[in-house]
Amino acid sequence: MNVLKTANHHWWPKTLSKFWKAEADGCSSWLRPDGRVQRTPPVNLGVIGNGHAVKLSDDPTKANSWDFSYESEFGLADTNFPSVVDWLTSLERKRSSRFRDFGPFVEMQDPDAQIKQLLESAVSLVVRSPMSRFHAGQVSGGFAAAEFTTNERKILIGFNMKGRQRLFADGLNSRGKFVVLRSPDREFIFGDGFCHNLVLPSLPISPKIFVPLTPRIALLYVKPQKFYVEPRLSSLEVDADWTEGLNLGVHVYAKDAIYFRSDQPPMTEYFSANRHGFFASSNNAIDELVDQIPGIHCNR
């Protein structure tokens, strides 16, 4: 019988988190909901023991012939992250002139292979994030959460998450609108939750993802019910005020962790609440930006 070995799995992959280390000390910072800040090498962040392994025995220390791991589902994304970041860094962009000035977007040709790599990597951050794990561990059918042991909940999470990388990445199929955002004046932040609506187990009608990739680069992806296909890819440079507005999507959706490189974000009531929240209305910087993407409104 093949024994599933114990391993540390990363929901924030090392191939991406390495871009978040400061030059001075090679560390990143972890902001907690109580305001404490821990500075540590990024390789130590986003780690969960056996996070992508499912052990079916009542005693998880004992092997079961039906144990399995879905860690390999994220292998393609992790391999691609360095080349994806290099490509995004090379894209042309122009600076917006003031806060709430959405233009000018730079429209560009989109190499299909690179778009697919970008989507594969972004979706992997969605699927394995602690926020997705939280939703995957929610029970239905009248069962109370207290009726499940810790190991039973881990098994439930594993079965609900297995195969979701392919479901989401292949289901989106590189269709939709991609906006690459660059922030030269203020750093983006990353967390154990961020603004998206890809909640398990199925794709929403109008999927949306806003995910920071490096302290200077973030991705906004949307697939509205009605839009012009071209331009599929555009880029935009945003100022510090805009970045602060976009970072709010991490404060609202994160629960236990906000990671940053050098620019410590202020504490907010959303993050200090210590729960995975969500935007209850479209009155936020992310949705305002979505509304201005070239080709979103067919009457423009």
C-alpha atoms as a PDB file:
ATOM      1  CA  MET A   1       0.000   0.000   0.000  1.00  0.00           C
ATOM      2  CA  ASN A   2       1.330   3.444  -0.943  1.00  0.00           C
ATOM      3  CA  VAL A   3       1.525   5.653   2.129  1.00  0.00           C
ATOM      4  CA  LEU A   4       0.605   9.314   1.679  1.00  0.00           C
ATOM      5  CA  LYS A   5       3.515  11.160   3.217  1.00  0.00           C
ATOM      6  CA  THR A   6       3.045  14.153   5.495  1.00  0.00           C
ATOM      7  CA  ALA A   7       3.956  17.376   3.719  1.00  0.00           C
ATOM      8  CA  ASN A   8       3.696  21.137   4.055  1.00  0.00           C
ATOM      9  CA  HIS A   9       1.530  22.565   1.289  1.00  0.00           C
ATOM     10  CA  HIS A  10       1.449  26.239   0.340  1.00  0.00           C
ATOM     11  CA  TRP A  11      -1.775  28.082  -0.402  1.00  0.00           C
ATOM     12  CA  TRP A  12       0.485  31.063  -1.180  1.00  0.00           C
ATOM     13  CA  PRO A  13       3.045  29.381  -3.468  1.00  0.00           C
ATOM     14  CA  LYS A  14       6.751  29.965  -2.967  1.00  0.00           C
ATOM     15  CA  THR A  15       7.182  30.832  -6.656  1.00  0.00           C
ATOM     16  CA  LEU A  16       4.924  33.852  -6.087  1.00  0.00           C
ATOM     17  CA  SER A  17       5.603  34.831  -2.478  1.00  0.00           C
ATOM     18  CA  LYS A  18       9.293  35.317  -3.310  1.00  0.00           C
ATOM     19  CA  PHE A  19       8.350  38.548  -5.097  1.00  0.00           C
ATOM     20  CA  TRP A  20       7.140  39.949  -1.758  1.00  0.00           C
ATOM     21  CA  LYS A  21      10.451  39.946   0.104  1.00  0.00           C
ATOM     22  CA  ALA A  22      12.132  43.240   0.928  1.00  0.00           C
ATOM     23  CA  GLU A  23      15.642  43.773  -0.372  1.00  0.00           C
ATOM     24  CA  ALA A  24      16.925  44.923   3.012  1.00  0.00           C
ATOM     25  CA  ASP A  25      16.270  41.729   4.978  1.00  0.00           C
ATOM     26  CA  GLY A  26      14.632  39.276   2.556  1.00  0.00           C
ATOM     27  CA  CYS A  27      11.450  39.224   4.666  1.00  0.00           C
ATOM     28  CA  SER A  28       7.749  39.910   4.255  1.00  0.00           C
ATOM     29  CA  SER A  29       5.284  41.032   6.922  1.00  0.00           C
ATOM     30  CA  TRP A  30       2.184  39.330   8.278  1.00  0.00           C
ATOM     31  CA  LEU A  31      -0.461  41.660   9.698  1.00  0.00           C
ATOM     32  CA  ARG A  32      -2.885  39.944  12.082  1.00  0.00           C
ATOM     33  CA  PRO A  33      -6.450  41.038  12.962  1.00  0.00           C
ATOM     34  CA  ASP A  34      -5.331  42.192  16.421  1.00  0.00           C
ATOM     35  CA  GLY A  35      -2.834  44.592  14.843  1.00  0.00           C
ATOM     36  CA  ARG A  36       0.300  42.577  15.549  1.00  0.00           C
ATOM     37  CA  VAL A  37       2.898  42.386  12.767  1.00  0.00           C
ATOM     38  CA  GLN A  38       5.306  39.499  12.253  1.00  0.00           C
ATOM     39  CA  ARG A  39       8.204  39.848   9.832  1.00  0.00           C
ATOM     40  CA  THR A  40       9.449  36.584   8.342  1.00  0.00           C
ATOM     41  CA  PRO A  41      10.873  35.084   5.135  1.00  0.00           C
ATOM     42  CA  PRO A  42       7.983  34.682   2.667  1.00  0.00           C
ATOM     43  CA  VAL A  43       8.661  30.945   2.339  1.00  0.00           C
ATOM     44  CA  ASN A  44       7.213  30.612   5.852  1.00  0.00           C
ATOM     45  CA  LEU A  45       3.910  32.259   4.918  1.00  0.00           C
ATOM     46  CA  GLY A  46       0.847  30.549   3.492  1.00  0.00           C
ATOM     47  CA  VAL A  47       1.861  27.095   4.755  1.00  0.00           C
ATOM     48  CA  ILE A  48      -0.647  24.483   5.885  1.00  0.00           C
ATOM     49  CA  GLY A  49       0.321  20.978   6.922  1.00  0.00           C
ATOM     50  CA  ASN A  50      -1.214  18.394   4.573  1.00  0.00           C
ATOM     51  CA  GLY A  51      -3.439  21.166   3.270  1.00  0.00           C
ATOM     52  CA  HIS A  52      -4.027  19.410  -0.054  1.00  0.00           C
ATOM     53  CA  ALA A  53      -4.050  15.870   1.297  1.00  0.00           C
ATOM     54  CA  VAL A  54      -7.121  13.854   2.254  1.00  0.00           C
ATOM     55  CA  LYS A  55      -6.638  11.131   4.868  1.00  0.00           C
ATOM     56  CA  LEU A  56      -9.726   9.020   5.336  1.00  0.00           C
ATOM     57  CA  SER A  57      -8.922   7.111   8.532  1.00  0.00           C
ATOM     58  CA  ASP A  58     -10.578   8.154  11.767  1.00  0.00           C
ATOM     59  CA  ASP A  59      -7.010   8.492  12.986  1.00  0.00           C
ATOM     60  CA  PRO A  60      -5.234  10.657  10.360  1.00  0.00           C
ATOM     61  CA  THR A  61      -1.840   9.373  11.528  1.00  0.00           C
ATOM     62  CA  LYS A  62      -2.758   5.948  10.146  1.00  0.00           C
ATOM     63  CA  ALA A  63      -2.540   5.186   6.430  1.00  0.00           C
ATOM     64  CA  ASN A  64      -5.577   4.260   4.353  1.00  0.00           C
ATOM     65  CA  SER A  65      -5.436   2.829   0.846  1.00  0.00           C
ATOM     66  CA  TRP A  66      -7.948   5.484  -0.265  1.00  0.00           C
ATOM     67  CA  ASP A  67      -5.893   8.465   0.936  1.00  0.00           C
ATOM     68  CA  PHE A  68      -5.037  10.956  -1.810  1.00  0.00           C
ATOM     69  CA  SER A  69      -3.466  14.348  -2.491  1.00  0.00           C
ATOM     70  CA  TYR A  70      -4.504  17.007  -5.004  1.00  0.00           C
ATOM     71  CA  GLU A  71      -1.355  19.107  -4.564  1.00  0.00           C
ATOM     72  CA  SER A  72      -0.306  18.266  -8.136  1.00  0.00           C
ATOM     73  CA  GLU A  73      -3.349  20.146  -9.488  1.00  0.00           C
ATOM     74  CA  PHE A  74      -1.487  23.386  -8.750  1.00  0.00           C
ATOM     75  CA  GLY A  75       1.835  22.308 -10.275  1.00  0.00           C
ATOM     76  CA  LEU A  76       1.294  24.017 -13.625  1.00  0.00           C
ATOM     77  CA  ALA A  77       0.322  27.298 -11.961  1.00  0.00           C
ATOM     78  CA  ASP A  78       3.308  27.241  -9.610  1.00  0.00           C
ATOM     79  CA  THR A  79       5.721  26.493 -12.440  1.00  0.00           C
ATOM     80  CA  ASN A  80       4.323  29.372 -14.492  1.00  0.00           C
ATOM     81  CA  PHE A  81       4.303  32.110 -11.860  1.00  0.00           C
ATOM     82  CA  PRO A  82       7.833  33.461 -12.538  1.00  0.00           C
ATOM     83  CA  SER A  83       7.294  33.718 -16.300  1.00  0.00           C
ATOM     84  CA  VAL A  84       3.798  35.185 -15.790  1.00  0.00           C
ATOM     85  CA  VAL A  85       5.191  37.925 -13.539  1.00  0.00           C
ATOM     86  CA  ASP A  86       8.017  38.643 -16.006  1.00  0.00           C
ATOM     87  CA  TRP A  87       5.483  39.004 -18.826  1.00  0.00           C
ATOM     88  CA  LEU A  88       3.162  41.270 -16.829  1.00  0.00           C
ATOM     89  CA  THR A  89       6.090  43.456 -15.786  1.00  0.00           C
ATOM     90  CA  SER A  90       7.002  43.991 -19.442  1.00  0.00           C
ATOM     91  CA  LEU A  91       3.534  45.188 -20.534  1.00  0.00           C
ATOM     92  CA  GLU A  92       3.045  48.787 -21.599  1.00  0.00           C
ATOM     93  CA  ARG A  93       0.987  51.016 -19.324  1.00  0.00           C
ATOM     94  CA  LYS A  94       0.089  54.672 -18.851  1.00  0.00           C
ATOM     95  CA  ARG A  95      -0.546  56.499 -15.609  1.00  0.00           C
ATOM     96  CA  SER A  96      -3.979  57.714 -14.526  1.00  0.00           C
ATOM     97  CA  SER A  97      -3.874  61.405 -13.686  1.00  0.00           C
ATOM     98  CA  ARG A  98      -5.847  61.479 -10.424  1.00  0.00           C
ATOM     99  CA  PHE A  99      -7.962  59.417  -8.041  1.00  0.00           C
ATOM    100  CA  ARG A 100     -11.219  58.325  -9.711  1.00  0.00           C
ATOM    101  CA  ASP A 101      -9.735  58.969 -13.139  1.00  0.00           C
ATOM    102  CA  PHE A 102      -9.969  55.508 -14.712  1.00  0.00           C
ATOM    103  CA  GLY A 103      -8.063  56.182 -17.907  1.00  0.00           C
ATOM    104  CA  PRO A 104      -6.153  55.775 -19.939  1.00  0.00           C
ATOM    105  CA  PHE A 105      -6.316  52.015 -20.388  1.00  0.00           C
ATOM    106  CA  VAL A 106      -3.705  50.634 -22.733  1.00  0.00           C
ATOM    107  CA  GLU A 107      -5.255  48.084 -25.085  1.00  0.00           C
ATOM    108  CA  MET A 108      -2.908  45.451 -26.457  1.00  0.00           C
ATOM    109  CA  GLN A 109      -2.589  42.205 -28.324  1.00  0.00           C
ATOM    110  CA  ASP A 110      -2.913  39.195 -26.071  1.00  0.00           C
ATOM    111  CA  PRO A 111      -0.762  36.109 -26.687  1.00  0.00           C
ATOM    112  CA  ASP A 112      -3.177  33.250 -26.060  1.00  0.00           C
ATOM    113  CA  ALA A 113      -0.649  30.978 -24.363  1.00  0.00           C
ATOM    114  CA  GLN A 114       0.357  33.677 -21.888  1.00  0.00           C
ATOM    115  CA  ILE A 115      -3.272  34.555 -21.138  1.00  0.00           C
ATOM    116  CA  LYS A 116      -3.931  30.901 -20.335  1.00  0.00           C
ATOM    117  CA  GLN A 117      -0.913  30.789 -18.037  1.00  0.00           C
ATOM    118  CA  LEU A 118      -2.084  33.978 -16.306  1.00  0.00           C
ATOM    119  CA  LEU A 119      -5.575  32.593 -15.752  1.00  0.00           C
ATOM    120  CA  GLU A 120      -4.262  29.215 -14.570  1.00  0.00           C
ATOM    121  CA  SER A 121      -2.091  30.916 -11.967  1.00  0.00           C
ATOM    122  CA  ALA A 122      -4.745  33.386 -10.794  1.00  0.00           C
ATOM    123  CA  VAL A 123      -7.380  30.670 -10.443  1.00  0.00           C
ATOM    124  CA  SER A 124      -4.980  28.571  -8.348  1.00  0.00           C
ATOM    125  CA  LEU A 125      -4.775  31.403  -5.811  1.00  0.00           C
ATOM    126  CA  VAL A 126      -8.564  31.449  -5.626  1.00  0.00           C
ATOM    127  CA  VAL A 127      -9.054  27.698  -5.301  1.00  0.00           C
ATOM    128  CA  ARG A 128      -6.523  26.994  -2.542  1.00  0.00           C
ATOM    129  CA  SER A 129      -6.983  30.183  -0.517  1.00  0.00           C
ATOM    130  CA  PRO A 130      -8.131  29.813   3.107  1.00  0.00           C
ATOM    131  CA  MET A 131     -11.317  31.682   2.153  1.00  0.00           C
ATOM    132  CA  SER A 132     -12.148  28.940  -0.365  1.00  0.00           C
ATOM    133  CA  ARG A 133     -11.249  26.296   2.219  1.00  0.00           C
ATOM    134  CA  PHE A 134     -13.655  27.978   4.620  1.00  0.00           C
ATOM    135  CA  HIS A 135     -16.501  27.817   2.100  1.00  0.00           C
ATOM    136  CA  ALA A 136     -15.579  24.238   1.178  1.00  0.00           C
ATOM    137  CA  GLY A 137     -15.938  23.270   4.825  1.00  0.00           C
ATOM    138  CA  GLN A 138     -19.444  24.640   5.187  1.00  0.00           C
ATOM    139  CA  VAL A 139     -22.062  21.953   5.619  1.00  0.00           C
ATOM    140  CA  SER A 140     -25.637  21.746   4.429  1.00  0.00           C
ATOM    141  CA  GLY A 141     -28.618  19.443   4.632  1.00  0.00           C
ATOM    142  CA  GLY A 142     -29.377  20.284   8.253  1.00  0.00           C
ATOM    143  CA  PHE A 143     -26.062  19.100   9.694  1.00  0.00           C
ATOM    144  CA  ALA A 144     -24.579  21.266  12.417  1.00  0.00           C
ATOM    145  CA  ALA A 145     -20.896  22.147  12.279  1.00  0.00           C
ATOM    146  CA  ALA A 146     -20.451  20.773  15.782  1.00  0.00           C
ATOM    147  CA  GLU A 147     -21.387  17.302  14.534  1.00  0.00           C
ATOM    148  CA  PHE A 148     -18.122  17.058  12.576  1.00  0.00           C
ATOM    149  CA  THR A 149     -14.727  16.317  14.022  1.00  0.00           C
ATOM    150  CA  THR A 150     -11.684  18.286  12.876  1.00  0.00           C
ATOM    151  CA  ASN A 151     -10.571  15.416  10.647  1.00  0.00           C
ATOM    152  CA  GLU A 152     -14.058  14.950   9.191  1.00  0.00           C
ATOM    153  CA  ARG A 153     -14.133  18.616   8.250  1.00  0.00           C
ATOM    154  CA  LYS A 154     -10.702  18.294   6.601  1.00  0.00           C
ATOM    155  CA  ILE A 155     -12.037  15.361   4.581  1.00  0.00           C
ATOM    156  CA  LEU A 156     -15.091  17.408   3.554  1.00  0.00           C
ATOM    157  CA  ILE A 157     -12.853  20.301   2.489  1.00  0.00           C
ATOM    158  CA  GLY A 158     -10.595  17.984   0.495  1.00  0.00           C
ATOM    159  CA  PHE A 159     -13.416  16.361  -1.442  1.00  0.00           C
ATOM    160  CA  ASN A 160     -15.005  19.746  -2.167  1.00  0.00           C
ATOM    161  CA  MET A 161     -11.727  21.271  -3.370  1.00  0.00           C
ATOM    162  CA  LYS A 162     -10.388  18.348  -5.397  1.00  0.00           C
ATOM    163  CA  GLY A 163     -10.780  19.032  -9.120  1.00  0.00           C
ATOM    164  CA  ARG A 164     -11.833  22.674  -8.689  1.00  0.00           C
ATOM    165  CA  GLN A 165      -8.660  23.997 -10.313  1.00  0.00           C
ATOM    166  CA  ARG A 166      -9.575  22.357 -13.600  1.00  0.00           C
ATOM    167  CA  LEU A 167     -13.268  23.131 -13.199  1.00  0.00           C
ATOM    168  CA  PHE A 168     -12.629  26.851 -12.832  1.00  0.00           C
ATOM    169  CA  ALA A 169      -9.606  27.301 -15.122  1.00  0.00           C
ATOM    170  CA  ASP A 170     -11.108  25.239 -17.955  1.00  0.00           C
ATOM    171  CA  GLY A 171     -14.588  26.649 -17.384  1.00  0.00           C
ATOM    172  CA  LEU A 172     -13.376  30.232 -17.745  1.00  0.00           C
ATOM    173  CA  ASN A 173     -11.310  29.087 -20.741  1.00  0.00           C
ATOM    174  CA  SER A 174      -9.422  32.395 -21.030  1.00  0.00           C
ATOM    175  CA  ARG A 175     -12.632  34.145 -22.069  1.00  0.00           C
ATOM    176  CA  GLY A 176     -13.451  37.487 -20.505  1.00  0.00           C
ATOM    177  CA  LYS A 177     -11.627  40.712 -19.765  1.00  0.00           C
ATOM    178  CA  PHE A 178      -8.141  40.935 -18.248  1.00  0.00           C
ATOM    179  CA  VAL A 179      -6.775  44.183 -16.797  1.00  0.00           C
ATOM    180  CA  VAL A 180      -3.203  44.274 -15.506  1.00  0.00           C
ATOM    181  CA  LEU A 181      -2.798  46.958 -12.853  1.00  0.00           C
ATOM    182  CA  ARG A 182       0.538  48.451 -11.850  1.00  0.00           C
ATOM    183  CA  SER A 183       1.000  50.585  -8.729  1.00  0.00           C
ATOM    184  CA  PRO A 184       4.342  52.444  -8.651  1.00  0.00           C
ATOM    185  CA  ASP A 185       3.532  54.661  -5.628  1.00  0.00           C
ATOM    186  CA  ARG A 186       1.852  52.362  -3.140  1.00  0.00           C
ATOM    187  CA  GLU A 187       2.188  48.615  -2.700  1.00  0.00           C
ATOM    188  CA  PHE A 188      -0.597  46.112  -3.139  1.00  0.00           C
ATOM    189  CA  ILE A 189      -1.250  43.709  -0.274  1.00  0.00           C
ATOM    190  CA  PHE A 190      -2.190  40.008  -0.276  1.00  0.00           C
ATOM    191  CA  GLY A 191      -4.295  38.013   2.175  1.00  0.00           C
ATOM    192  CA  ASP A 192      -5.966  34.749   3.072  1.00  0.00           C
ATOM    193  CA  GLY A 193      -9.019  36.150   1.309  1.00  0.00           C
ATOM    194  CA  PHE A 194      -9.425  38.612  -1.573  1.00  0.00           C
ATOM    195  CA  CYS A 195     -12.224  39.867  -3.794  1.00  0.00           C
ATOM    196  CA  HIS A 196     -13.681  37.182  -6.073  1.00  0.00           C
ATOM    197  CA  ASN A 197     -16.979  35.359  -6.546  1.00  0.00           C
ATOM    198  CA  LEU A 198     -15.703  31.887  -7.518  1.00  0.00           C
ATOM    199  CA  VAL A 199     -17.320  30.180  -4.577  1.00  0.00           C
ATOM    200  CA  LEU A 200     -17.440  26.396  -4.606  1.00  0.00           C
ATOM    201  CA  PRO A 201     -18.807  24.241  -6.098  1.00  0.00           C
ATOM    202  CA  SER A 202     -19.746  25.832  -9.458  1.00  0.00           C
ATOM    203  CA  LEU A 203     -18.882  28.808 -11.650  1.00  0.00           C
ATOM    204  CA  PRO A 204     -20.984  31.970 -11.215  1.00  0.00           C
ATOM    205  CA  ILE A 205     -22.806  33.467 -14.170  1.00  0.00           C
ATOM    206  CA  SER A 206     -20.526  36.527 -14.174  1.00  0.00           C
ATOM    207  CA  PRO A 207     -17.184  35.528 -12.610  1.00  0.00           C
ATOM    208  CA  LYS A 208     -14.893  38.184 -11.158  1.00  0.00           C
ATOM    209  CA  ILE A 209     -11.418  38.056  -9.631  1.00  0.00           C
ATOM    210  CA  PHE A 210      -9.277  40.839  -8.233  1.00  0.00           C
ATOM    211  CA  VAL A 211      -5.997  39.392  -7.026  1.00  0.00           C
ATOM    212  CA  PRO A 212      -2.659  41.064  -6.196  1.00  0.00           C
ATOM    213  CA  LEU A 213       0.262  39.108  -7.654  1.00  0.00           C
ATOM    214  CA  THR A 214       3.224  41.214  -6.532  1.00  0.00           C
ATOM    215  CA  PRO A 215       3.455  44.387  -4.446  1.00  0.00           C
ATOM    216  CA  ARG A 216       3.381  46.348  -7.727  1.00  0.00           C
ATOM    217  CA  ILE A 217       1.152  44.218  -9.983  1.00  0.00           C
ATOM    218  CA  ALA A 218      -2.438  43.032  -9.622  1.00  0.00           C
ATOM    219  CA  LEU A 219      -4.915  41.339 -11.945  1.00  0.00           C
ATOM    220  CA  LEU A 220      -8.559  42.192 -12.485  1.00  0.00           C
ATOM    221  CA  TYR A 221     -10.524  39.546 -14.398  1.00  0.00           C
ATOM    222  CA  VAL A 222     -14.212  39.731 -15.248  1.00  0.00           C
ATOM    223  CA  LYS A 223     -16.555  37.887 -17.562  1.00  0.00           C
ATOM    224  CA  PRO A 224     -19.837  39.820 -17.751  1.00  0.00           C
ATOM    225  CA  GLN A 225     -22.934  38.369 -19.362  1.00  0.00           C
ATOM    226  CA  LYS A 226     -22.627  40.915 -22.176  1.00  0.00           C
ATOM    227  CA  PHE A 227     -19.412  42.497 -23.471  1.00  0.00           C
ATOM    228  CA  TYR A 228     -17.272  43.105 -26.526  1.00  0.00           C
ATOM    229  CA  VAL A 229     -14.574  40.442 -26.812  1.00  0.00           C
ATOM    230  CA  GLU A 230     -11.903  42.924 -27.892  1.00  0.00           C
ATOM    231  CA  PRO A 231      -9.814  44.155 -26.284  1.00  0.00           C
ATOM    232  CA  ARG A 232      -9.409  41.071 -24.134  1.00  0.00           C
ATOM    233  CA  LEU A 233      -6.288  42.435 -22.439  1.00  0.00           C
ATOM    234  CA  SER A 234      -5.552  45.959 -21.236  1.00  0.00           C
ATOM    235  CA  SER A 235      -3.315  47.555 -18.636  1.00  0.00           C
ATOM    236  CA  LEU A 236      -3.535  50.529 -16.332  1.00  0.00           C
ATOM    237  CA  GLU A 237      -1.172  52.323 -13.978  1.00  0.00           C
ATOM    238  CA  VAL A 238      -2.819  53.553 -10.796  1.00  0.00           C
ATOM    239  CA  ASP A 239      -1.808  56.069  -8.142  1.00  0.00           C
ATOM    240  CA  ALA A 240      -1.508  55.547  -4.387  1.00  0.00           C
ATOM    241  CA  ASP A 241      -5.114  56.528  -3.635  1.00  0.00           C
ATOM    242  CA  TRP A 242      -6.407  54.064  -6.186  1.00  0.00           C
ATOM    243  CA  THR A 243      -4.246  51.317  -4.746  1.00  0.00           C
ATOM    244  CA  GLU A 244      -5.604  51.994  -1.265  1.00  0.00           C
ATOM    245  CA  GLY A 245      -9.129  51.644  -2.625  1.00  0.00           C
ATOM    246  CA  LEU A 246      -8.295  48.376  -4.361  1.00  0.00           C
ATOM    247  CA  ASN A 247      -6.507  47.042  -1.278  1.00  0.00           C
ATOM    248  CA  LEU A 248      -9.777  47.346   0.606  1.00  0.00           C
ATOM    249  CA  GLY A 249     -10.843  44.193  -1.228  1.00  0.00           C
ATOM    250  CA  VAL A 250      -8.232  42.316   0.799  1.00  0.00           C
ATOM    251  CA  HIS A 251      -9.247  43.920   4.103  1.00  0.00           C
ATOM    252  CA  VAL A 252     -12.880  42.936   3.580  1.00  0.00           C
ATOM    253  CA  TYR A 253     -12.363  39.359   2.362  1.00  0.00           C
ATOM    254  CA  ALA A 254      -9.348  38.349   4.495  1.00  0.00           C
ATOM    255  CA  LYS A 255      -9.739  36.808   7.949  1.00  0.00           C
ATOM    256  CA  ASP A 256      -6.453  35.904   9.658  1.00  0.00           C
ATOM    257  CA  ALA A 257      -3.682  37.230   7.440  1.00  0.00           C
ATOM    258  CA  ILE A 258      -2.735  40.238   5.374  1.00  0.00           C
ATOM    259  CA  TYR A 259       0.745  40.056   3.878  1.00  0.00           C
ATOM    260  CA  PHE A 260       2.772  43.058   2.744  1.00  0.00           C
ATOM    261  CA  ARG A 261       6.332  43.831   1.736  1.00  0.00           C
ATOM    262  CA  SER A 262       7.210  47.347   2.912  1.00  0.00           C
ATOM    263  CA  ASP A 263       4.110  49.597   2.990  1.00  0.00           C
ATOM    264  CA  GLN A 264       2.221  48.581   6.120  1.00  0.00           C
ATOM    265  CA  PRO A 265      -1.518  48.927   5.501  1.00  0.00           C
ATOM    266  CA  PRO A 266      -3.672  50.673   8.098  1.00  0.00           C
ATOM    267  CA  MET A 267      -5.927  48.546  10.275  1.00  0.00           C
ATOM    268  CA  THR A 268      -9.581  48.634   9.261  1.00  0.00           C
ATOM    269  CA  GLU A 269     -12.770  47.561  10.982  1.00  0.00           C
ATOM    270  CA  TYR A 270     -13.268  44.994   8.225  1.00  0.00           C
ATOM    271  CA  PHE A 271     -10.068  43.090   8.878  1.00  0.00           C
ATOM    272  CA  SER A 272     -10.166  43.466  12.667  1.00  0.00           C
ATOM    273  CA  ALA A 273     -13.573  41.726  12.584  1.00  0.00           C
ATOM    274  CA  ASN A 274     -11.589  38.517  11.904  1.00  0.00           C
ATOM    275  CA  ARG A 275     -13.978  36.977   9.367  1.00  0.00           C
ATOM    276  CA  HIS A 276     -14.198  36.462   5.612  1.00  0.00           C
ATOM    277  CA  GLY A 277     -16.492  39.288   4.538  1.00  0.00           C
ATOM    278  CA  PHE A 278     -17.711  40.410   1.132  1.00  0.00           C
ATOM    279  CA  PHE A 279     -18.748  43.568  -0.679  1.00  0.00           C
ATOM    280  CA  ALA A 280     -22.497  43.923  -0.162  1.00  0.00           C
ATOM    281  CA  SER A 281     -22.841  46.508  -2.943  1.00  0.00           C
ATOM    282  CA  SER A 282     -21.014  47.726  -6.043  1.00  0.00           C
ATOM    283  CA  ASN A 283     -19.941  50.896  -4.224  1.00  0.00           C
ATOM    284  CA  ASN A 284     -16.250  50.022  -4.089  1.00  0.00           C
ATOM    285  CA  ALA A 285     -13.117  50.768  -6.104  1.00  0.00           C
ATOM    286  CA  ILE A 286     -12.952  47.314  -7.714  1.00  0.00           C
ATOM    287  CA  ASP A 287     -16.473  47.406  -9.141  1.00  0.00           C
ATOM    288  CA  GLU A 288     -16.062  51.039 -10.189  1.00  0.00           C
ATOM    289  CA  LEU A 289     -13.001  49.983 -12.142  1.00  0.00           C
ATOM    290  CA  VAL A 290     -14.852  47.022 -13.683  1.00  0.00           C
ATOM    291  CA  ASP A 291     -17.502  49.422 -14.971  1.00  0.00           C
ATOM    292  CA  GLN A 292     -14.868  51.338 -16.942  1.00  0.00           C
ATOM    293  CA  ILE A 293     -13.037  48.439 -18.629  1.00  0.00           C
ATOM    294  CA  PRO A 294     -13.010  48.947 -22.420  1.00  0.00           C
ATOM    295  CA  GLY A 295     -15.702  46.854 -24.058  1.00  0.00           C
ATOM    296  CA  ILE A 296     -17.691  46.093 -20.921  1.00  0.00           C
ATOM    297  CA  HIS A 297     -20.650  48.241 -21.940  1.00  0.00           C
ATOM    298  CA  CYS A 298     -21.658  47.523 -25.491  1.00  0.00           C
ATOM    299  CA  ASN A 299     -23.054  51.035 -25.992  1.00  0.00           C
ATOM    300  CA  ARG A 300     -19.629  52.608 -25.502  1.00  0.00           C
END
